[in-house]
Amino acid sequence: MFDWDLRDTSSVRIRPLGVGLLVKGNVAVREVVFEATWKGIRYEYPNLAVFEFDDDGKIRAYRSYYDKLGIDQRIANQYPGVQGRLFRLMVNYLVAQGEKGLLKPGEARR
């Protein structure tokens, strides 16, 4: 975990998802859901992690894939007050800009 992640989300729980753990040669892939709380707001998000090991079994490389903007959107949707409204406007604008060109004409956003 990264320091900022642990500092901001001290109550993280991890549960298996989808493929769980796959291993082939010196590479392992783990799919999980992180459940966390930030400033009293509970949220969860899927995560895919790739571990590469050297011949001694030590981790040589680690990559973690998750949708940071999606996490922000989940939190913003629950954030109270004027700050929450501004947070939602900002995050939803960024999401909409990112989705431009991804949706077919007439297709609805999730």
C-alpha atoms as a PDB file:
ATOM      1  CA  MET A   1       0.000   0.000   0.000  1.00  0.00           C
ATOM      2  CA  PHE A   2       1.038   3.584  -0.487  1.00  0.00           C
ATOM      3  CA  ASP A   3       1.493   5.890   2.520  1.00  0.00           C
ATOM      4  CA  TRP A   4      -1.266   8.285   1.385  1.00  0.00           C
ATOM      5  CA  ASP A   5      -3.644   5.383   0.876  1.00  0.00           C
ATOM      6  CA  LEU A   6      -3.113   4.063   4.384  1.00  0.00           C
ATOM      7  CA  ARG A   7      -3.229   7.519   5.952  1.00  0.00           C
ATOM      8  CA  ASP A   8      -6.518   8.436   4.265  1.00  0.00           C
ATOM      9  CA  THR A   9      -8.190   5.026   4.531  1.00  0.00           C
ATOM     10  CA  SER A  10      -7.149   3.452   7.795  1.00  0.00           C
ATOM     11  CA  SER A  11     -10.000   0.895   7.803  1.00  0.00           C
ATOM     12  CA  VAL A  12      -9.390  -0.989   4.548  1.00  0.00           C
ATOM     13  CA  ARG A  13     -10.767  -4.506   4.140  1.00  0.00           C
ATOM     14  CA  ILE A  14      -9.959  -6.713   1.172  1.00  0.00           C
ATOM     15  CA  ARG A  15     -12.186  -9.434  -0.257  1.00  0.00           C
ATOM     16  CA  PRO A  16     -11.520 -11.751  -3.200  1.00  0.00           C
ATOM     17  CA  LEU A  17     -13.178 -11.016  -6.540  1.00  0.00           C
ATOM     18  CA  GLY A  18     -13.445 -12.752  -9.885  1.00  0.00           C
ATOM     19  CA  VAL A  19     -10.322 -14.719 -10.670  1.00  0.00           C
ATOM     20  CA  GLY A  20      -8.927 -14.359  -7.143  1.00  0.00           C
ATOM     21  CA  LEU A  21      -5.269 -15.319  -7.573  1.00  0.00           C
ATOM     22  CA  LEU A  22      -3.670 -16.614 -10.768  1.00  0.00           C
ATOM     23  CA  VAL A  23      -0.040 -17.695 -10.992  1.00  0.00           C
ATOM     24  CA  LYS A  24       1.980 -18.510 -14.082  1.00  0.00           C
ATOM     25  CA  GLY A  25       5.732 -18.822 -13.883  1.00  0.00           C
ATOM     26  CA  ASN A  26       7.151 -15.846 -11.994  1.00  0.00           C
ATOM     27  CA  VAL A  27       3.997 -13.727 -12.352  1.00  0.00           C
ATOM     28  CA  ALA A  28       0.921 -13.616 -10.104  1.00  0.00           C
ATOM     29  CA  VAL A  29      -2.275 -11.660 -10.701  1.00  0.00           C
ATOM     30  CA  ARG A  30      -4.707 -10.920  -7.870  1.00  0.00           C
ATOM     31  CA  GLU A  31      -8.222  -9.519  -8.267  1.00  0.00           C
ATOM     32  CA  VAL A  32      -9.911  -8.118  -5.151  1.00  0.00           C
ATOM     33  CA  VAL A  33     -12.365  -5.520  -3.914  1.00  0.00           C
ATOM     34  CA  PHE A  34     -11.130  -2.925  -1.446  1.00  0.00           C
ATOM     35  CA  GLU A  35     -13.713  -1.783   1.105  1.00  0.00           C
ATOM     36  CA  ALA A  36     -12.778   1.417   2.898  1.00  0.00           C
ATOM     37  CA  THR A  37     -14.053   4.445   4.787  1.00  0.00           C
ATOM     38  CA  TRP A  38     -12.947   8.025   4.186  1.00  0.00           C
ATOM     39  CA  LYS A  39     -14.204  10.783   6.512  1.00  0.00           C
ATOM     40  CA  GLY A  40     -17.059   8.516   7.546  1.00  0.00           C
ATOM     41  CA  ILE A  41     -18.046   7.661   3.955  1.00  0.00           C
ATOM     42  CA  ARG A  42     -17.948   3.968   3.084  1.00  0.00           C
ATOM     43  CA  TYR A  43     -17.002   2.943  -0.443  1.00  0.00           C
ATOM     44  CA  GLU A  44     -15.540   0.015  -2.338  1.00  0.00           C
ATOM     45  CA  TYR A  45     -13.652  -0.461  -5.574  1.00  0.00           C
ATOM     46  CA  PRO A  46     -12.193  -3.302  -7.638  1.00  0.00           C
ATOM     47  CA  ASN A  47      -8.433  -3.694  -7.892  1.00  0.00           C
ATOM     48  CA  LEU A  48      -6.157  -5.798 -10.059  1.00  0.00           C
ATOM     49  CA  ALA A  49      -2.567  -6.292  -8.911  1.00  0.00           C
ATOM     50  CA  VAL A  50       0.300  -7.867 -10.849  1.00  0.00           C
ATOM     51  CA  PHE A  51       3.326  -9.246  -8.989  1.00  0.00           C
ATOM     52  CA  GLU A  52       6.546 -10.266 -10.722  1.00  0.00           C
ATOM     53  CA  PHE A  53       8.995 -12.408  -8.757  1.00  0.00           C
ATOM     54  CA  ASP A  54      12.706 -13.007  -9.225  1.00  0.00           C
ATOM     55  CA  ASP A  55      14.239 -16.479  -9.096  1.00  0.00           C
ATOM     56  CA  ASP A  56      14.595 -16.237  -5.287  1.00  0.00           C
ATOM     57  CA  GLY A  57      10.843 -15.635  -4.888  1.00  0.00           C
ATOM     58  CA  LYS A  58      11.227 -11.969  -3.962  1.00  0.00           C
ATOM     59  CA  ILE A  59       8.927  -9.391  -5.516  1.00  0.00           C
ATOM     60  CA  ARG A  60      10.777  -7.716  -8.394  1.00  0.00           C
ATOM     61  CA  ALA A  61       7.886  -5.559  -9.638  1.00  0.00           C
ATOM     62  CA  TYR A  62       4.378  -4.676  -8.485  1.00  0.00           C
ATOM     63  CA  ARG A  63       1.615  -2.925 -10.414  1.00  0.00           C
ATOM     64  CA  SER A  64      -1.830  -2.042  -9.108  1.00  0.00           C
ATOM     65  CA  TYR A  65      -4.738  -1.079 -11.374  1.00  0.00           C
ATOM     66  CA  TYR A  66      -7.844   0.718 -10.165  1.00  0.00           C
ATOM     67  CA  ASP A  67     -10.070   3.606 -11.192  1.00  0.00           C
ATOM     68  CA  LYS A  68      -9.060   6.549  -8.977  1.00  0.00           C
ATOM     69  CA  LEU A  69     -11.625   8.867 -10.548  1.00  0.00           C
ATOM     70  CA  GLY A  70     -14.305   6.198 -10.017  1.00  0.00           C
ATOM     71  CA  ILE A  71     -13.358   6.090  -6.325  1.00  0.00           C
ATOM     72  CA  ASP A  72     -13.637   9.875  -6.127  1.00  0.00           C
ATOM     73  CA  GLN A  73     -17.047   9.688  -7.795  1.00  0.00           C
ATOM     74  CA  ARG A  74     -18.309   7.078  -5.296  1.00  0.00           C
ATOM     75  CA  ILE A  75     -17.196   9.287  -2.409  1.00  0.00           C
ATOM     76  CA  ALA A  76     -18.518  12.513  -3.984  1.00  0.00           C
ATOM     77  CA  ASN A  77     -21.963  10.959  -4.436  1.00  0.00           C
ATOM     78  CA  GLN A  78     -22.203  10.574  -0.644  1.00  0.00           C
ATOM     79  CA  TYR A  79     -20.352  13.714   0.486  1.00  0.00           C
ATOM     80  CA  PRO A  80     -22.694  16.126   2.312  1.00  0.00           C
ATOM     81  CA  GLY A  81     -23.378  19.830   2.015  1.00  0.00           C
ATOM     82  CA  VAL A  82     -22.135  22.516  -0.340  1.00  0.00           C
ATOM     83  CA  GLN A  83     -18.673  20.935  -0.485  1.00  0.00           C
ATOM     84  CA  GLY A  84     -20.304  17.680  -1.578  1.00  0.00           C
ATOM     85  CA  ARG A  85     -22.233  19.440  -4.340  1.00  0.00           C
ATOM     86  CA  LEU A  86     -19.055  21.111  -5.620  1.00  0.00           C
ATOM     87  CA  PHE A  87     -17.150  17.835  -5.332  1.00  0.00           C
ATOM     88  CA  ARG A  88     -19.869  16.046  -7.377  1.00  0.00           C
ATOM     89  CA  LEU A  89     -19.909  18.758 -10.050  1.00  0.00           C
ATOM     90  CA  MET A  90     -16.127  18.604 -10.432  1.00  0.00           C
ATOM     91  CA  VAL A  91     -15.827  14.810 -10.441  1.00  0.00           C
ATOM     92  CA  ASN A  92     -18.833  14.254 -12.708  1.00  0.00           C
ATOM     93  CA  TYR A  93     -17.438  16.825 -15.171  1.00  0.00           C
ATOM     94  CA  LEU A  94     -14.096  14.987 -15.265  1.00  0.00           C
ATOM     95  CA  VAL A  95     -15.831  11.639 -15.733  1.00  0.00           C
ATOM     96  CA  ALA A  96     -17.968  13.036 -18.559  1.00  0.00           C
ATOM     97  CA  GLN A  97     -14.881  14.451 -20.298  1.00  0.00           C
ATOM     98  CA  GLY A  98     -13.142  11.093 -19.997  1.00  0.00           C
ATOM     99  CA  GLU A  99     -16.133   9.259 -21.445  1.00  0.00           C
ATOM    100  CA  LYS A 100     -16.399  11.470 -24.524  1.00  0.00           C
ATOM    101  CA  GLY A 101     -15.957   9.309 -27.569  1.00  0.00           C
ATOM    102  CA  LEU A 102     -16.313   6.086 -25.566  1.00  0.00           C
ATOM    103  CA  LEU A 103     -20.101   5.919 -25.764  1.00  0.00           C
ATOM    104  CA  LYS A 104     -22.020   5.252 -28.943  1.00  0.00           C
ATOM    105  CA  PRO A 105     -24.584   7.900 -29.976  1.00  0.00           C
ATOM    106  CA  GLY A 106     -27.722   7.471 -27.864  1.00  0.00           C
ATOM    107  CA  GLU A 107     -26.019   5.131 -25.372  1.00  0.00           C
ATOM    108  CA  ALA A 108     -26.662   6.089 -21.740  1.00  0.00           C
ATOM    109  CA  ARG A 109     -23.994   6.564 -19.085  1.00  0.00           C
ATOM    110  CA  ARG A 110     -23.956   4.112 -16.203  1.00  0.00           C
END
